[in-house]
Structures are given as C-alpha cells and as structure tokens.
Amino acid sequence: MPNGSLEKWLHSEHYFLDILQRINIMIDVASALEYHHAGQPTPIIHCDLKPSNILLHEDIVAHMGDFGIAKLLEEDDFMRQTMTLATIGYMAPANCILSIMELALKCSAELPEDRNNMADVVAMLKKIKHKFLISIEQA
C-alpha cells in the first residue's frame, strides 16, 4: 500500500493524521471487522489486529492485512450479540476523543457478552464522525 502501515503514521515524527482521518480509519477497520465477523457464512476472526497490520491506501483508506493466524468460526461456535448503542447528541470537538475512548473501553470489556458487536461499533463511530463534522461546521 502506498502509505504503508498505520504503525508508521502513529509512531513517526514525520507523519501526521488529523482527527477526521483517524475517525475514518477507525470506521474502515471496524467495518472490515464487522464484515469478517458477521458478513460471511463462516465468520473470520483476525487474531492479530495491530497498527502494523492496518495498511493505508494513497487516500488514507485503511485495509486489514496479515490474516496468517486468522481463525474460522465453525457453525457450532457460539457468538453473542449485544444491545444496540444509543444515539449521540451534539458533540463538541473536545468531546470527540472522549466518546472514542468510551467506545474503546466498551469494546475491551473482559467478558465477551459485555462487549459491543462490530455492527454497533461501526454505527457508533459513524455517529461520532457525523456529530464531529456538525460541530466543526458550527464553529
């Protein structure tokens, strides 16, 4: 990919991603995970998702790479869905990062049944982006 990995962009003094680019990358990755987890007859679990395995296209569109240790879930594997997330109201730009961090904490809950499913994560990230864009326009 022309822009290398996300790791290069996160851990370099020579590259910079603004908040909107970061939100778009989160949406791209969450959408890819949702597709692989729920959009296939046999779900695929990546098992090694990290910044070096997120590749960035020339226009900073994120793609998942390195499925070397991915796991296919068989029909008898149990997957639990969680409740749909609530909508977000107006969001000041300063609260954008807080909303993303709250979502990240929900995604990393210890018990699987307490975690958000990827469809909900994608929806919430899109709402965060929408509210962020509205707040920029109103500023």
N, C-alpha and C. Protein backbone atom coordinates (compact mmCIF):
# COMPACT_ATOMS: atom_id res chain seq x y z
N MET A 1 0.84 -1.18 0.00
CA MET A 1 0.00 0.00 0.00
C MET A 1 0.89 1.25 0.00
N PRO A 2 0.47 2.26 -0.74
CA PRO A 2 1.31 3.45 -0.91
C PRO A 2 1.69 4.18 0.39
N ASN A 3 0.81 4.17 1.38
CA ASN A 3 1.11 4.90 2.62
C ASN A 3 1.57 3.99 3.75
N GLY A 4 1.90 2.75 3.44
CA GLY A 4 2.44 1.85 4.45
C GLY A 4 1.42 1.48 5.50
N SER A 5 1.91 1.19 6.68
CA SER A 5 1.03 0.74 7.76
C SER A 5 0.62 1.89 8.67
N LEU A 6 -0.43 1.67 9.41
CA LEU A 6 -0.88 2.64 10.40
C LEU A 6 0.20 2.86 11.45
N GLU A 7 0.95 1.83 11.76
CA GLU A 7 2.02 1.96 12.75
C GLU A 7 3.00 3.07 12.37
N LYS A 8 3.34 3.15 11.10
CA LYS A 8 4.26 4.19 10.62
C LYS A 8 3.69 5.58 10.90
N TRP A 9 2.40 5.73 10.72
CA TRP A 9 1.76 7.03 10.90
C TRP A 9 1.58 7.38 12.37
N LEU A 10 1.43 6.37 13.22
CA LEU A 10 1.21 6.63 14.65
C LEU A 10 2.51 6.86 15.41
N HIS A 11 3.60 6.27 14.95
CA HIS A 11 4.85 6.28 15.72
C HIS A 11 5.98 6.98 14.98
N SER A 12 5.68 8.01 14.24
CA SER A 12 6.70 8.73 13.49
C SER A 12 6.53 10.23 13.69
N GLU A 13 7.63 10.94 13.73
CA GLU A 13 7.57 12.39 13.82
C GLU A 13 7.33 13.03 12.46
N HIS A 14 7.42 12.26 11.39
CA HIS A 14 7.33 12.79 10.04
C HIS A 14 5.94 12.65 9.42
N TYR A 15 5.05 11.92 10.07
CA TYR A 15 3.70 11.71 9.54
C TYR A 15 2.69 12.18 10.57
N PHE A 16 1.55 12.67 10.08
CA PHE A 16 0.51 13.18 10.98
C PHE A 16 -0.86 12.82 10.43
N LEU A 17 -1.72 12.34 11.31
CA LEU A 17 -3.11 12.07 10.96
C LEU A 17 -3.98 13.01 11.79
N ASP A 18 -4.85 13.77 11.13
CA ASP A 18 -5.76 14.63 11.89
C ASP A 18 -6.89 13.77 12.46
N ILE A 19 -7.72 14.38 13.30
CA ILE A 19 -8.77 13.63 13.99
C ILE A 19 -9.76 13.01 13.00
N LEU A 20 -10.10 13.71 11.93
CA LEU A 20 -11.05 13.16 10.95
C LEU A 20 -10.45 11.95 10.23
N GLN A 21 -9.18 12.01 9.87
CA GLN A 21 -8.52 10.86 9.25
C GLN A 21 -8.52 9.67 10.21
N ARG A 22 -8.27 9.94 11.49
CA ARG A 22 -8.24 8.87 12.49
C ARG A 22 -9.62 8.23 12.64
N ILE A 23 -10.66 9.06 12.67
CA ILE A 23 -12.03 8.52 12.77
C ILE A 23 -12.34 7.68 11.53
N ASN A 24 -11.97 8.16 10.35
CA ASN A 24 -12.21 7.40 9.12
C ASN A 24 -11.48 6.06 9.15
N ILE A 25 -10.25 6.04 9.66
CA ILE A 25 -9.51 4.78 9.78
C ILE A 25 -10.23 3.84 10.75
N MET A 26 -10.73 4.37 11.87
CA MET A 26 -11.48 3.54 12.82
C MET A 26 -12.71 2.94 12.16
N ILE A 27 -13.42 3.75 11.39
CA ILE A 27 -14.62 3.26 10.69
C ILE A 27 -14.23 2.19 9.67
N ASP A 28 -13.16 2.41 8.91
CA ASP A 28 -12.70 1.42 7.92
C ASP A 28 -12.39 0.09 8.59
N VAL A 29 -11.64 0.14 9.69
CA VAL A 29 -11.23 -1.10 10.37
C VAL A 29 -12.44 -1.77 11.02
N ALA A 30 -13.29 -0.99 11.70
CA ALA A 30 -14.48 -1.58 12.32
C ALA A 30 -15.41 -2.18 11.27
N SER A 31 -15.54 -1.52 10.12
CA SER A 31 -16.38 -2.07 9.04
C SER A 31 -15.80 -3.37 8.51
N ALA A 32 -14.49 -3.43 8.36
CA ALA A 32 -13.85 -4.66 7.89
C ALA A 32 -14.03 -5.78 8.90
N LEU A 33 -13.87 -5.47 10.18
CA LEU A 33 -14.08 -6.49 11.22
C LEU A 33 -15.52 -6.97 11.22
N GLU A 34 -16.46 -6.05 11.11
CA GLU A 34 -17.87 -6.43 11.10
C GLU A 34 -18.17 -7.33 9.90
N TYR A 35 -17.60 -7.01 8.75
CA TYR A 35 -17.79 -7.83 7.55
C TYR A 35 -17.22 -9.23 7.78
N HIS A 36 -16.02 -9.32 8.31
CA HIS A 36 -15.40 -10.63 8.51
C HIS A 36 -16.07 -11.42 9.64
N HIS A 37 -16.59 -10.72 10.65
CA HIS A 37 -17.24 -11.41 11.77
C HIS A 37 -18.67 -11.82 11.46
N ALA A 38 -19.42 -10.96 10.75
CA ALA A 38 -20.85 -11.22 10.58
C ALA A 38 -21.32 -11.22 9.14
N GLY A 39 -20.51 -10.78 8.20
CA GLY A 39 -20.94 -10.67 6.82
C GLY A 39 -20.61 -11.88 5.96
N GLN A 40 -20.13 -12.93 6.57
CA GLN A 40 -19.72 -14.13 5.86
C GLN A 40 -20.47 -15.34 6.40
N PRO A 41 -20.70 -16.36 5.58
CA PRO A 41 -21.33 -17.59 6.10
C PRO A 41 -20.48 -18.22 7.22
N THR A 42 -19.17 -18.18 7.06
CA THR A 42 -18.25 -18.66 8.10
C THR A 42 -17.44 -17.45 8.58
N PRO A 43 -17.73 -16.98 9.81
CA PRO A 43 -17.01 -15.80 10.32
C PRO A 43 -15.50 -16.03 10.39
N ILE A 44 -14.75 -14.97 10.13
CA ILE A 44 -13.29 -15.00 10.19
C ILE A 44 -12.86 -14.05 11.30
N ILE A 45 -12.07 -14.56 12.24
CA ILE A 45 -11.53 -13.75 13.33
C ILE A 45 -10.05 -13.52 13.04
N HIS A 46 -9.61 -12.27 12.97
CA HIS A 46 -8.26 -11.91 12.55
C HIS A 46 -7.19 -12.47 13.48
N CYS A 47 -7.33 -12.31 14.79
CA CYS A 47 -6.43 -12.83 15.83
C CYS A 47 -5.11 -12.08 15.98
N ASP A 48 -4.79 -11.13 15.12
CA ASP A 48 -3.52 -10.40 15.25
C ASP A 48 -3.67 -8.98 14.74
N LEU A 49 -4.76 -8.32 15.13
CA LEU A 49 -5.01 -6.97 14.66
C LEU A 49 -4.16 -5.99 15.47
N LYS A 50 -3.34 -5.24 14.78
CA LYS A 50 -2.46 -4.24 15.39
C LYS A 50 -2.11 -3.22 14.32
N PRO A 51 -1.59 -2.06 14.71
CA PRO A 51 -1.32 -1.00 13.73
C PRO A 51 -0.44 -1.43 12.55
N SER A 52 0.49 -2.34 12.76
CA SER A 52 1.34 -2.77 11.64
C SER A 52 0.59 -3.63 10.63
N ASN A 53 -0.59 -4.15 11.01
CA ASN A 53 -1.41 -4.96 10.10
C ASN A 53 -2.56 -4.16 9.49
N ILE A 54 -2.60 -2.86 9.73
CA ILE A 54 -3.56 -1.98 9.09
C ILE A 54 -2.79 -1.20 8.02
N LEU A 55 -3.12 -1.43 6.77
CA LEU A 55 -2.41 -0.81 5.65
C LEU A 55 -3.23 0.35 5.11
N LEU A 56 -2.54 1.44 4.76
CA LEU A 56 -3.22 2.65 4.32
C LEU A 56 -3.00 2.90 2.83
N HIS A 57 -4.10 3.00 2.11
CA HIS A 57 -4.09 3.30 0.68
C HIS A 57 -3.64 4.74 0.49
N GLU A 58 -3.44 5.16 -0.76
CA GLU A 58 -2.93 6.51 -1.04
C GLU A 58 -3.82 7.62 -0.49
N ASP A 59 -5.12 7.37 -0.37
CA ASP A 59 -6.03 8.39 0.18
C ASP A 59 -6.39 8.09 1.64
N ILE A 60 -5.52 7.38 2.33
CA ILE A 60 -5.63 7.04 3.75
C ILE A 60 -6.86 6.19 4.05
N VAL A 61 -7.29 5.37 3.11
CA VAL A 61 -8.33 4.37 3.37
C VAL A 61 -7.63 3.16 3.96
N ALA A 62 -8.14 2.68 5.10
CA ALA A 62 -7.49 1.58 5.80
C ALA A 62 -7.97 0.22 5.30
N HIS A 63 -7.03 -0.72 5.22
CA HIS A 63 -7.31 -2.10 4.84
C HIS A 63 -6.61 -3.02 5.84
N MET A 64 -7.29 -4.10 6.23
CA MET A 64 -6.67 -5.06 7.14
C MET A 64 -5.78 -6.00 6.34
N GLY A 65 -4.63 -6.32 6.90
CA GLY A 65 -3.70 -7.25 6.27
C GLY A 65 -3.25 -8.32 7.24
N ASP A 66 -2.46 -9.26 6.74
CA ASP A 66 -1.86 -10.34 7.52
C ASP A 66 -2.89 -11.18 8.27
N PHE A 67 -3.59 -12.00 7.52
CA PHE A 67 -4.55 -12.93 8.10
C PHE A 67 -3.90 -14.28 8.40
N GLY A 68 -2.59 -14.29 8.60
CA GLY A 68 -1.84 -15.52 8.77
C GLY A 68 -2.30 -16.41 9.91
N ILE A 69 -2.78 -15.82 11.01
CA ILE A 69 -3.24 -16.65 12.13
C ILE A 69 -4.74 -16.46 12.37
N ALA A 70 -5.46 -16.08 11.33
CA ALA A 70 -6.91 -15.89 11.45
C ALA A 70 -7.59 -17.21 11.79
N LYS A 71 -8.73 -17.10 12.46
CA LYS A 71 -9.49 -18.28 12.86
C LYS A 71 -10.85 -18.24 12.17
N LEU A 72 -11.23 -19.37 11.58
CA LEU A 72 -12.58 -19.52 11.02
C LEU A 72 -13.48 -20.08 12.11
N LEU A 73 -14.61 -19.43 12.36
CA LEU A 73 -15.55 -19.94 13.36
C LEU A 73 -16.51 -20.90 12.69
N GLU A 74 -16.59 -22.08 13.23
CA GLU A 74 -17.49 -23.09 12.69
C GLU A 74 -18.92 -22.82 13.14
N GLU A 75 -19.86 -23.51 12.53
CA GLU A 75 -21.28 -23.30 12.83
C GLU A 75 -21.60 -23.56 14.30
N ASP A 76 -20.89 -24.48 14.94
CA ASP A 76 -21.20 -24.81 16.33
C ASP A 76 -20.55 -23.85 17.33
N ASP A 77 -19.72 -22.93 16.86
CA ASP A 77 -19.13 -21.92 17.75
C ASP A 77 -20.22 -20.94 18.16
N PHE A 78 -20.15 -20.50 19.39
CA PHE A 78 -21.16 -19.60 19.92
C PHE A 78 -20.69 -18.15 19.81
N MET A 79 -21.52 -17.32 19.19
CA MET A 79 -21.22 -15.88 19.14
C MET A 79 -22.40 -15.14 19.76
N ARG A 80 -22.11 -14.22 20.63
CA ARG A 80 -23.14 -13.47 21.34
C ARG A 80 -23.23 -12.05 20.79
N GLN A 81 -24.43 -11.59 20.55
CA GLN A 81 -24.65 -10.22 20.08
C GLN A 81 -25.02 -9.35 21.29
N THR A 82 -24.68 -8.07 21.24
CA THR A 82 -25.00 -7.16 22.33
C THR A 82 -26.07 -6.18 21.89
N MET A 83 -26.54 -5.40 22.85
CA MET A 83 -27.59 -4.43 22.57
C MET A 83 -27.08 -3.33 21.65
N THR A 84 -28.01 -2.74 20.89
CA THR A 84 -27.66 -1.63 20.01
C THR A 84 -27.32 -0.40 20.84
N LEU A 85 -26.34 0.36 20.39
CA LEU A 85 -25.90 1.55 21.11
C LEU A 85 -26.88 2.69 20.91
N ALA A 86 -26.95 3.56 21.90
CA ALA A 86 -27.83 4.72 21.81
C ALA A 86 -27.22 5.77 20.89
N THR A 87 -28.06 6.69 20.46
CA THR A 87 -27.57 7.77 19.60
C THR A 87 -26.85 8.81 20.44
N ILE A 88 -26.00 9.57 19.77
CA ILE A 88 -25.25 10.64 20.42
C ILE A 88 -25.88 11.96 20.03
N GLY A 89 -25.97 12.89 20.97
CA GLY A 89 -26.46 14.22 20.66
C GLY A 89 -25.33 15.08 20.11
N TYR A 90 -25.46 16.39 20.26
CA TYR A 90 -24.41 17.31 19.80
C TYR A 90 -23.09 16.95 20.48
N MET A 91 -22.01 17.02 19.74
CA MET A 91 -20.71 16.67 20.28
C MET A 91 -19.72 17.79 20.00
N ALA A 92 -19.25 18.43 21.05
CA ALA A 92 -18.19 19.42 20.88
C ALA A 92 -16.92 18.69 20.47
N PRO A 93 -16.09 19.31 19.64
CA PRO A 93 -14.86 18.65 19.19
C PRO A 93 -14.01 18.11 20.33
N ALA A 94 -13.99 18.83 21.46
CA ALA A 94 -13.19 18.36 22.59
C ALA A 94 -13.71 17.04 23.15
N ASN A 95 -15.00 16.75 22.95
CA ASN A 95 -15.58 15.51 23.47
C ASN A 95 -15.45 14.33 22.51
N CYS A 96 -15.00 14.58 21.30
CA CYS A 96 -14.88 13.53 20.29
C CYS A 96 -13.96 12.41 20.78
N ILE A 97 -12.79 12.79 21.26
CA ILE A 97 -11.83 11.79 21.72
C ILE A 97 -12.38 11.04 22.92
N LEU A 98 -13.07 11.74 23.83
CA LEU A 98 -13.67 11.08 24.99
C LEU A 98 -14.69 10.03 24.54
N SER A 99 -15.52 10.35 23.56
CA SER A 99 -16.50 9.38 23.06
C SER A 99 -15.82 8.16 22.45
N ILE A 100 -14.74 8.40 21.73
CA ILE A 100 -14.00 7.28 21.13
C ILE A 100 -13.38 6.41 22.22
N MET A 101 -12.84 7.04 23.26
CA MET A 101 -12.24 6.27 24.36
C MET A 101 -13.29 5.46 25.12
N GLU A 102 -14.47 6.04 25.33
CA GLU A 102 -15.55 5.30 25.99
C GLU A 102 -15.95 4.09 25.15
N LEU A 103 -16.04 4.27 23.85
CA LEU A 103 -16.36 3.15 22.96
C LEU A 103 -15.26 2.09 23.02
N ALA A 104 -14.01 2.53 23.03
CA ALA A 104 -12.89 1.58 23.10
C ALA A 104 -12.95 0.77 24.39
N LEU A 105 -13.29 1.40 25.50
CA LEU A 105 -13.40 0.67 26.77
C LEU A 105 -14.52 -0.37 26.71
N LYS A 106 -15.64 -0.01 26.09
CA LYS A 106 -16.74 -0.97 25.95
C LYS A 106 -16.31 -2.15 25.08
N CYS A 107 -15.50 -1.88 24.06
CA CYS A 107 -15.04 -2.94 23.16
C CYS A 107 -14.04 -3.88 23.83
N SER A 108 -13.39 -3.40 24.88
CA SER A 108 -12.36 -4.21 25.52
C SER A 108 -12.80 -4.77 26.87
N ALA A 109 -14.11 -4.85 27.08
CA ALA A 109 -14.62 -5.44 28.32
C ALA A 109 -14.12 -6.87 28.47
N GLU A 110 -13.89 -7.28 29.69
CA GLU A 110 -13.32 -8.60 29.95
C GLU A 110 -14.24 -9.73 29.46
N LEU A 111 -15.52 -9.61 29.73
CA LEU A 111 -16.46 -10.66 29.33
C LEU A 111 -17.00 -10.38 27.93
N PRO A 112 -16.98 -11.36 27.05
CA PRO A 112 -17.47 -11.16 25.68
C PRO A 112 -18.90 -10.63 25.61
N GLU A 113 -19.76 -11.08 26.52
CA GLU A 113 -21.15 -10.63 26.47
C GLU A 113 -21.30 -9.15 26.86
N ASP A 114 -20.28 -8.57 27.47
CA ASP A 114 -20.31 -7.15 27.83
C ASP A 114 -19.75 -6.25 26.72
N ARG A 115 -19.18 -6.85 25.68
CA ARG A 115 -18.58 -6.09 24.58
C ARG A 115 -19.64 -5.73 23.53
N ASN A 116 -19.39 -4.66 22.81
CA ASN A 116 -20.24 -4.28 21.68
C ASN A 116 -19.95 -5.20 20.49
N ASN A 117 -20.98 -5.48 19.68
CA ASN A 117 -20.69 -6.20 18.44
C ASN A 117 -20.19 -5.19 17.41
N MET A 118 -19.56 -5.68 16.36
CA MET A 118 -18.89 -4.78 15.42
C MET A 118 -19.87 -3.93 14.62
N ALA A 119 -21.08 -4.42 14.38
CA ALA A 119 -22.07 -3.59 13.67
C ALA A 119 -22.40 -2.36 14.51
N ASP A 120 -22.54 -2.54 15.83
CA ASP A 120 -22.80 -1.41 16.71
C ASP A 120 -21.61 -0.46 16.77
N VAL A 121 -20.40 -1.01 16.75
CA VAL A 121 -19.19 -0.18 16.78
C VAL A 121 -19.13 0.69 15.53
N VAL A 122 -19.39 0.10 14.38
CA VAL A 122 -19.38 0.87 13.12
C VAL A 122 -20.42 1.98 13.19
N ALA A 123 -21.63 1.65 13.65
CA ALA A 123 -22.69 2.66 13.73
C ALA A 123 -22.30 3.79 14.68
N MET A 124 -21.74 3.45 15.83
CA MET A 124 -21.35 4.47 16.80
C MET A 124 -20.23 5.35 16.25
N LEU A 125 -19.24 4.76 15.60
CA LEU A 125 -18.15 5.56 15.02
C LEU A 125 -18.68 6.51 13.94
N LYS A 126 -19.63 6.05 13.14
CA LYS A 126 -20.21 6.92 12.12
C LYS A 126 -20.98 8.07 12.77
N LYS A 127 -21.66 7.80 13.88
CA LYS A 127 -22.37 8.86 14.59
C LYS A 127 -21.38 9.86 15.20
N ILE A 128 -20.29 9.36 15.76
CA ILE A 128 -19.26 10.25 16.32
C ILE A 128 -18.71 11.15 15.21
N LYS A 129 -18.41 10.55 14.06
CA LYS A 129 -17.89 11.34 12.93
C LYS A 129 -18.90 12.40 12.50
N HIS A 130 -20.17 12.00 12.37
CA HIS A 130 -21.21 12.94 11.95
C HIS A 130 -21.33 14.11 12.92
N LYS A 131 -21.39 13.82 14.20
CA LYS A 131 -21.51 14.88 15.21
C LYS A 131 -20.27 15.76 15.22
N PHE A 132 -19.10 15.16 15.01
CA PHE A 132 -17.86 15.94 14.94
C PHE A 132 -17.89 16.90 13.76
N LEU A 133 -18.32 16.41 12.60
CA LEU A 133 -18.40 17.28 11.41
C LEU A 133 -19.40 18.42 11.61
N ILE A 134 -20.52 18.13 12.26
CA ILE A 134 -21.50 19.17 12.55
C ILE A 134 -20.90 20.23 13.47
N SER A 135 -20.17 19.78 14.48
CA SER A 135 -19.58 20.73 15.42
C SER A 135 -18.53 21.61 14.75
N ILE A 136 -17.81 21.07 13.77
CA ILE A 136 -16.82 21.87 13.03
C ILE A 136 -17.54 22.93 12.20
N GLU A 137 -18.64 22.54 11.55
CA GLU A 137 -19.39 23.49 10.73
C GLU A 137 -19.97 24.62 11.56
N GLN A 138 -20.36 24.31 12.80
CA GLN A 138 -20.98 25.31 13.66
C GLN A 138 -19.95 26.22 14.31
N ALA A 139 -18.69 25.83 14.28
CA ALA A 139 -17.64 26.63 14.94
C ALA A 139 -17.30 27.87 14.15
